[in-house]
Amino acid sequence: MSHVIWCCKYHVVWVPKYRFRILKGPVAEELYKTIHVYCGRMGCEVIELNIQEDHVHLLVSMPPKESVSKLLGTVKGKTAIQIFRQFPHLKQKPYWGNHFWARGYCVDTVGLDEEHIRKYVKYQEKEERRQ
């Protein structure tokens, strides 16, 4: 992709199973580190990461060759394994089972607002002539 200029940023939110308020203290610290590790391995940059007791906000920049679903599948899967490994007592809860995260996530694109882009596209020809 050496001939591609890209700026793909996403705001992603996801929650633990049953929205348990479990993401605090050492669990949150481990989660923070693990998210950074796996985002980095996929060539993604964590711009901002906020872990609340019952949900995670991730602002991430990722190359266009990756998909949000692949990133979240990897991050949610690997963090669940790591959390259960580090905190085995969490896996013992009868209602928890083998799943740390709830299914799904919320994602939104981040970038220039639509009005800014519309003006850029509309007046691009005029800008080109001035140069």
N, C-alpha and C. Protein backbone atom coordinates (compact mmCIF):
# COMPACT_ATOMS: atom_id res chain seq x y z
N MET A 1 0.82 -1.19 0.00
CA MET A 1 0.00 0.00 0.00
C MET A 1 0.86 1.26 0.00
N SER A 2 2.02 1.19 -0.55
CA SER A 2 2.92 2.33 -0.53
C SER A 2 2.40 3.50 -1.35
N HIS A 3 1.42 3.29 -2.22
CA HIS A 3 0.90 4.36 -3.06
C HIS A 3 -0.48 4.81 -2.61
N VAL A 4 -0.79 4.58 -1.36
CA VAL A 4 -2.11 4.93 -0.84
C VAL A 4 -1.95 5.89 0.33
N ILE A 5 -2.71 6.97 0.28
CA ILE A 5 -2.79 7.87 1.42
C ILE A 5 -4.14 7.61 2.07
N TRP A 6 -4.13 7.37 3.36
CA TRP A 6 -5.38 7.03 4.01
C TRP A 6 -5.51 7.68 5.38
N CYS A 7 -6.74 7.84 5.79
CA CYS A 7 -7.07 8.36 7.11
C CYS A 7 -8.40 7.73 7.51
N CYS A 8 -8.33 6.53 8.04
CA CYS A 8 -9.53 5.78 8.41
C CYS A 8 -9.59 5.69 9.93
N LYS A 9 -10.51 6.43 10.50
CA LYS A 9 -10.64 6.46 11.96
C LYS A 9 -12.05 6.03 12.35
N TYR A 10 -12.11 5.29 13.43
CA TYR A 10 -13.40 4.77 13.90
C TYR A 10 -13.52 4.93 15.41
N HIS A 11 -14.73 5.20 15.84
CA HIS A 11 -15.07 5.20 17.27
C HIS A 11 -15.89 3.94 17.50
N VAL A 12 -15.39 3.07 18.36
CA VAL A 12 -16.04 1.78 18.60
C VAL A 12 -16.36 1.67 20.10
N VAL A 13 -17.55 1.15 20.39
CA VAL A 13 -17.97 0.94 21.77
C VAL A 13 -18.47 -0.49 21.90
N TRP A 14 -18.05 -1.19 22.97
CA TRP A 14 -18.57 -2.53 23.23
C TRP A 14 -18.65 -2.75 24.73
N VAL A 15 -19.40 -3.79 25.11
CA VAL A 15 -19.71 -4.00 26.53
C VAL A 15 -19.44 -5.45 26.94
N PRO A 16 -19.18 -5.66 28.25
CA PRO A 16 -19.06 -7.03 28.75
C PRO A 16 -20.43 -7.72 28.72
N LYS A 17 -20.41 -9.02 28.73
CA LYS A 17 -21.65 -9.79 28.75
C LYS A 17 -22.52 -9.34 29.92
N TYR A 18 -23.79 -9.20 29.66
CA TYR A 18 -24.78 -8.73 30.65
C TYR A 18 -24.46 -7.33 31.18
N ARG A 19 -23.58 -6.66 30.52
CA ARG A 19 -23.12 -5.32 30.90
C ARG A 19 -22.70 -5.25 32.37
N PHE A 20 -22.06 -6.33 32.82
CA PHE A 20 -21.53 -6.36 34.18
C PHE A 20 -20.55 -5.21 34.38
N ARG A 21 -20.55 -4.65 35.55
CA ARG A 21 -19.64 -3.54 35.90
C ARG A 21 -18.32 -4.14 36.42
N ILE A 22 -17.62 -4.80 35.53
CA ILE A 22 -16.45 -5.60 35.89
C ILE A 22 -15.13 -4.97 35.42
N LEU A 23 -15.21 -3.97 34.56
CA LEU A 23 -14.01 -3.40 33.94
C LEU A 23 -13.42 -2.31 34.83
N LYS A 24 -12.86 -2.72 35.95
CA LYS A 24 -12.27 -1.76 36.89
C LYS A 24 -11.05 -2.38 37.54
N GLY A 25 -10.23 -1.52 38.13
CA GLY A 25 -9.04 -1.98 38.84
C GLY A 25 -8.09 -2.75 37.94
N PRO A 26 -7.57 -3.89 38.44
CA PRO A 26 -6.61 -4.68 37.68
C PRO A 26 -7.17 -5.22 36.36
N VAL A 27 -8.47 -5.50 36.32
CA VAL A 27 -9.09 -5.98 35.07
C VAL A 27 -9.00 -4.90 34.00
N ALA A 28 -9.32 -3.66 34.36
CA ALA A 28 -9.24 -2.55 33.42
C ALA A 28 -7.80 -2.30 32.97
N GLU A 29 -6.87 -2.41 33.90
CA GLU A 29 -5.45 -2.20 33.56
C GLU A 29 -4.97 -3.25 32.56
N GLU A 30 -5.32 -4.50 32.80
CA GLU A 30 -4.92 -5.58 31.87
C GLU A 30 -5.59 -5.39 30.52
N LEU A 31 -6.84 -5.01 30.53
CA LEU A 31 -7.59 -4.78 29.30
C LEU A 31 -6.95 -3.65 28.49
N TYR A 32 -6.58 -2.58 29.15
CA TYR A 32 -5.96 -1.43 28.51
C TYR A 32 -4.69 -1.86 27.77
N LYS A 33 -3.83 -2.59 28.46
CA LYS A 33 -2.58 -3.06 27.84
C LYS A 33 -2.85 -4.00 26.67
N THR A 34 -3.76 -4.94 26.86
CA THR A 34 -4.03 -5.96 25.85
C THR A 34 -4.63 -5.34 24.59
N ILE A 35 -5.53 -4.38 24.74
CA ILE A 35 -6.11 -3.71 23.57
C ILE A 35 -5.02 -3.01 22.78
N HIS A 36 -4.12 -2.32 23.45
CA HIS A 36 -3.01 -1.65 22.76
C HIS A 36 -2.14 -2.65 22.00
N VAL A 37 -1.85 -3.78 22.62
CA VAL A 37 -1.00 -4.80 21.99
C VAL A 37 -1.63 -5.31 20.70
N TYR A 38 -2.90 -5.73 20.76
CA TYR A 38 -3.51 -6.35 19.58
C TYR A 38 -3.87 -5.34 18.50
N CYS A 39 -4.18 -4.12 18.87
CA CYS A 39 -4.37 -3.09 17.84
C CYS A 39 -3.05 -2.86 17.11
N GLY A 40 -1.96 -2.77 17.86
CA GLY A 40 -0.64 -2.58 17.25
C GLY A 40 -0.26 -3.71 16.33
N ARG A 41 -0.55 -4.93 16.72
CA ARG A 41 -0.22 -6.09 15.88
C ARG A 41 -0.97 -6.08 14.56
N MET A 42 -2.12 -5.43 14.53
CA MET A 42 -2.90 -5.35 13.28
C MET A 42 -2.59 -4.08 12.50
N GLY A 43 -1.58 -3.33 12.94
CA GLY A 43 -1.20 -2.11 12.23
C GLY A 43 -2.11 -0.94 12.52
N CYS A 44 -2.86 -1.02 13.61
CA CYS A 44 -3.79 0.04 13.98
C CYS A 44 -3.19 0.89 15.09
N GLU A 45 -3.57 2.15 15.13
CA GLU A 45 -3.08 3.06 16.17
C GLU A 45 -4.23 3.43 17.10
N VAL A 46 -4.04 3.19 18.38
CA VAL A 46 -5.03 3.60 19.36
C VAL A 46 -4.84 5.10 19.58
N ILE A 47 -5.83 5.87 19.18
CA ILE A 47 -5.78 7.32 19.36
C ILE A 47 -6.24 7.68 20.77
N GLU A 48 -7.31 7.03 21.18
CA GLU A 48 -7.86 7.25 22.52
C GLU A 48 -8.53 5.96 22.97
N LEU A 49 -8.39 5.66 24.25
CA LEU A 49 -9.01 4.46 24.82
C LEU A 49 -9.52 4.82 26.20
N ASN A 50 -10.81 4.59 26.43
CA ASN A 50 -11.42 4.88 27.72
C ASN A 50 -12.19 3.65 28.16
N ILE A 51 -11.80 3.11 29.29
CA ILE A 51 -12.46 1.91 29.81
C ILE A 51 -13.31 2.30 31.01
N GLN A 52 -14.62 2.21 30.84
CA GLN A 52 -15.56 2.44 31.93
C GLN A 52 -15.88 1.10 32.58
N GLU A 53 -16.54 1.11 33.72
CA GLU A 53 -16.82 -0.14 34.42
C GLU A 53 -17.66 -1.11 33.60
N ASP A 54 -18.51 -0.57 32.72
CA ASP A 54 -19.42 -1.46 31.98
C ASP A 54 -19.36 -1.29 30.46
N HIS A 55 -18.36 -0.58 29.95
CA HIS A 55 -18.18 -0.48 28.50
C HIS A 55 -16.81 0.09 28.16
N VAL A 56 -16.44 -0.08 26.89
CA VAL A 56 -15.14 0.38 26.39
C VAL A 56 -15.38 1.32 25.21
N HIS A 57 -14.67 2.45 25.20
CA HIS A 57 -14.64 3.36 24.06
C HIS A 57 -13.25 3.28 23.45
N LEU A 58 -13.19 3.04 22.16
CA LEU A 58 -11.91 2.98 21.44
C LEU A 58 -11.99 3.89 20.22
N LEU A 59 -11.07 4.84 20.14
CA LEU A 59 -10.91 5.65 18.95
C LEU A 59 -9.63 5.14 18.29
N VAL A 60 -9.77 4.61 17.08
CA VAL A 60 -8.66 3.91 16.46
C VAL A 60 -8.50 4.34 15.01
N SER A 61 -7.25 4.43 14.59
CA SER A 61 -6.91 4.68 13.19
C SER A 61 -6.41 3.35 12.64
N MET A 62 -7.00 2.94 11.51
CA MET A 62 -6.61 1.63 10.97
C MET A 62 -6.47 1.69 9.46
N PRO A 63 -5.54 0.89 8.92
CA PRO A 63 -5.33 0.89 7.47
C PRO A 63 -6.56 0.34 6.74
N PRO A 64 -6.80 0.80 5.53
CA PRO A 64 -7.98 0.36 4.79
C PRO A 64 -7.99 -1.13 4.45
N LYS A 65 -6.86 -1.79 4.53
CA LYS A 65 -6.82 -3.23 4.24
C LYS A 65 -7.45 -4.04 5.37
N GLU A 66 -7.61 -3.44 6.54
CA GLU A 66 -8.23 -4.12 7.67
C GLU A 66 -9.70 -3.73 7.76
N SER A 67 -10.49 -4.58 8.37
CA SER A 67 -11.90 -4.26 8.57
C SER A 67 -12.17 -4.08 10.05
N VAL A 68 -13.18 -3.29 10.35
CA VAL A 68 -13.55 -3.07 11.74
C VAL A 68 -13.96 -4.39 12.38
N SER A 69 -14.70 -5.21 11.63
CA SER A 69 -15.15 -6.49 12.19
C SER A 69 -13.98 -7.41 12.52
N LYS A 70 -12.95 -7.40 11.68
CA LYS A 70 -11.77 -8.22 11.96
C LYS A 70 -11.03 -7.70 13.20
N LEU A 71 -10.87 -6.38 13.27
CA LEU A 71 -10.21 -5.78 14.43
C LEU A 71 -10.96 -6.12 15.72
N LEU A 72 -12.27 -5.92 15.72
CA LEU A 72 -13.04 -6.16 16.95
C LEU A 72 -13.11 -7.64 17.27
N GLY A 73 -13.18 -8.49 16.26
CA GLY A 73 -13.16 -9.93 16.52
C GLY A 73 -11.86 -10.33 17.20
N THR A 74 -10.76 -9.79 16.71
CA THR A 74 -9.45 -10.09 17.30
C THR A 74 -9.33 -9.51 18.70
N VAL A 75 -9.64 -8.23 18.84
CA VAL A 75 -9.48 -7.56 20.13
C VAL A 75 -10.39 -8.19 21.19
N LYS A 76 -11.66 -8.40 20.85
CA LYS A 76 -12.57 -8.98 21.84
C LYS A 76 -12.17 -10.41 22.18
N GLY A 77 -11.79 -11.18 21.18
CA GLY A 77 -11.39 -12.57 21.42
C GLY A 77 -10.13 -12.68 22.25
N LYS A 78 -9.10 -11.94 21.87
CA LYS A 78 -7.82 -12.02 22.57
C LYS A 78 -7.90 -11.43 23.98
N THR A 79 -8.65 -10.33 24.13
CA THR A 79 -8.77 -9.76 25.48
C THR A 79 -9.55 -10.69 26.40
N ALA A 80 -10.56 -11.36 25.89
CA ALA A 80 -11.32 -12.31 26.71
C ALA A 80 -10.41 -13.43 27.20
N ILE A 81 -9.61 -13.98 26.30
CA ILE A 81 -8.67 -15.05 26.68
C ILE A 81 -7.71 -14.54 27.76
N GLN A 82 -7.16 -13.36 27.55
CA GLN A 82 -6.20 -12.79 28.49
C GLN A 82 -6.84 -12.50 29.85
N ILE A 83 -8.02 -11.93 29.84
CA ILE A 83 -8.71 -11.61 31.11
C ILE A 83 -9.02 -12.89 31.88
N PHE A 84 -9.54 -13.91 31.20
CA PHE A 84 -9.86 -15.17 31.88
C PHE A 84 -8.58 -15.86 32.38
N ARG A 85 -7.48 -15.69 31.65
CA ARG A 85 -6.21 -16.28 32.07
C ARG A 85 -5.68 -15.57 33.33
N GLN A 86 -5.75 -14.26 33.32
CA GLN A 86 -5.23 -13.47 34.45
C GLN A 86 -6.16 -13.49 35.67
N PHE A 87 -7.46 -13.61 35.41
CA PHE A 87 -8.45 -13.55 36.49
C PHE A 87 -9.40 -14.75 36.38
N PRO A 88 -8.90 -15.96 36.68
CA PRO A 88 -9.70 -17.17 36.47
C PRO A 88 -10.99 -17.21 37.28
N HIS A 89 -11.05 -16.47 38.38
CA HIS A 89 -12.28 -16.45 39.17
C HIS A 89 -13.47 -15.90 38.38
N LEU A 90 -13.19 -15.06 37.37
CA LEU A 90 -14.28 -14.51 36.55
C LEU A 90 -14.97 -15.60 35.73
N LYS A 91 -14.22 -16.61 35.35
CA LYS A 91 -14.77 -17.68 34.53
C LYS A 91 -15.65 -18.63 35.34
N GLN A 92 -15.51 -18.59 36.65
CA GLN A 92 -16.24 -19.52 37.51
C GLN A 92 -17.71 -19.16 37.68
N LYS A 93 -18.07 -17.93 37.39
CA LYS A 93 -19.46 -17.53 37.58
C LYS A 93 -20.35 -18.38 36.67
N PRO A 94 -21.39 -19.01 37.21
CA PRO A 94 -22.21 -19.93 36.42
C PRO A 94 -22.93 -19.25 35.25
N TYR A 95 -23.23 -17.98 35.37
CA TYR A 95 -23.96 -17.27 34.31
C TYR A 95 -23.02 -16.67 33.28
N TRP A 96 -21.72 -16.72 33.52
CA TRP A 96 -20.76 -16.09 32.62
C TRP A 96 -20.41 -17.01 31.46
N GLY A 97 -20.21 -18.27 31.76
CA GLY A 97 -19.83 -19.21 30.71
C GLY A 97 -18.45 -18.89 30.17
N ASN A 98 -18.26 -19.11 28.90
CA ASN A 98 -16.97 -18.91 28.25
C ASN A 98 -16.89 -17.57 27.53
N HIS A 99 -17.85 -16.71 27.75
CA HIS A 99 -17.92 -15.45 27.00
C HIS A 99 -17.74 -14.27 27.94
N PHE A 100 -16.75 -13.45 27.66
CA PHE A 100 -16.50 -12.26 28.48
C PHE A 100 -17.29 -11.07 27.94
N TRP A 101 -17.35 -10.95 26.61
CA TRP A 101 -17.99 -9.81 25.97
C TRP A 101 -19.38 -10.15 25.46
N ALA A 102 -20.25 -9.15 25.45
CA ALA A 102 -21.56 -9.29 24.80
C ALA A 102 -21.34 -9.35 23.29
N ARG A 103 -22.30 -9.92 22.59
CA ARG A 103 -22.20 -9.96 21.13
C ARG A 103 -22.34 -8.55 20.58
N GLY A 104 -21.64 -8.29 19.49
CA GLY A 104 -21.79 -7.03 18.78
C GLY A 104 -20.98 -5.88 19.34
N TYR A 105 -21.16 -4.72 18.71
CA TYR A 105 -20.49 -3.49 19.08
C TYR A 105 -21.15 -2.35 18.32
N CYS A 106 -20.82 -1.13 18.69
CA CYS A 106 -21.30 0.05 17.99
C CYS A 106 -20.09 0.71 17.35
N VAL A 107 -20.21 1.09 16.08
CA VAL A 107 -19.08 1.72 15.39
C VAL A 107 -19.57 2.92 14.60
N ASP A 108 -18.75 3.96 14.57
CA ASP A 108 -19.05 5.15 13.80
C ASP A 108 -17.73 5.64 13.19
N THR A 109 -17.82 6.20 12.00
CA THR A 109 -16.61 6.74 11.37
C THR A 109 -16.31 8.11 11.96
N VAL A 110 -15.05 8.47 11.91
CA VAL A 110 -14.60 9.75 12.43
C VAL A 110 -13.79 10.42 11.34
N GLY A 111 -13.97 11.69 11.17
CA GLY A 111 -13.19 12.40 10.16
C GLY A 111 -13.75 13.78 9.93
N LEU A 112 -13.47 14.32 8.77
CA LEU A 112 -14.01 15.63 8.43
C LEU A 112 -15.53 15.52 8.36
N ASP A 113 -16.19 16.57 8.79
CA ASP A 113 -17.65 16.50 8.73
C ASP A 113 -18.12 16.58 7.28
N GLU A 114 -19.33 16.13 7.05
CA GLU A 114 -19.87 16.02 5.69
C GLU A 114 -19.87 17.37 4.97
N GLU A 115 -20.25 18.42 5.66
CA GLU A 115 -20.32 19.74 5.03
C GLU A 115 -18.94 20.19 4.55
N HIS A 116 -17.92 19.94 5.33
CA HIS A 116 -16.55 20.30 4.95
C HIS A 116 -16.14 19.53 3.69
N ILE A 117 -16.45 18.27 3.63
CA ILE A 117 -16.10 17.45 2.46
C ILE A 117 -16.88 17.91 1.24
N ARG A 118 -18.16 18.20 1.41
CA ARG A 118 -18.98 18.67 0.27
C ARG A 118 -18.38 19.94 -0.33
N LYS A 119 -17.99 20.88 0.52
CA LYS A 119 -17.40 22.13 0.03
C LYS A 119 -16.07 21.86 -0.67
N TYR A 120 -15.27 20.97 -0.10
CA TYR A 120 -13.99 20.62 -0.70
C TYR A 120 -14.19 20.05 -2.10
N VAL A 121 -15.12 19.11 -2.23
CA VAL A 121 -15.38 18.49 -3.54
C VAL A 121 -15.94 19.51 -4.52
N LYS A 122 -16.87 20.31 -4.05
CA LYS A 122 -17.53 21.28 -4.92
C LYS A 122 -16.55 22.33 -5.45
N TYR A 123 -15.64 22.79 -4.62
CA TYR A 123 -14.75 23.88 -5.01
C TYR A 123 -13.34 23.42 -5.36
N GLN A 124 -13.13 22.13 -5.48
CA GLN A 124 -11.80 21.60 -5.78
C GLN A 124 -11.27 22.13 -7.11
N GLU A 125 -12.13 22.19 -8.11
CA GLU A 125 -11.69 22.66 -9.42
C GLU A 125 -11.20 24.10 -9.34
N LYS A 126 -11.89 24.94 -8.61
CA LYS A 126 -11.47 26.34 -8.45
C LYS A 126 -10.12 26.41 -7.75
N GLU A 127 -9.92 25.59 -6.76
CA GLU A 127 -8.65 25.57 -6.03
C GLU A 127 -7.51 25.13 -6.95
N GLU A 128 -7.78 24.12 -7.79
CA GLU A 128 -6.75 23.62 -8.71
C GLU A 128 -6.32 24.72 -9.68
N ARG A 129 -7.27 25.51 -10.16
CA ARG A 129 -6.95 26.57 -11.11
C ARG A 129 -6.09 27.66 -10.47
N ARG A 130 -6.29 27.92 -9.19
CA ARG A 130 -5.54 28.98 -8.52
C ARG A 130 -4.09 28.60 -8.30
N GLN A 131 -3.76 27.35 -8.35
CA GLN A 131 -2.39 26.92 -8.05
C GLN A 131 -1.51 26.92 -9.25
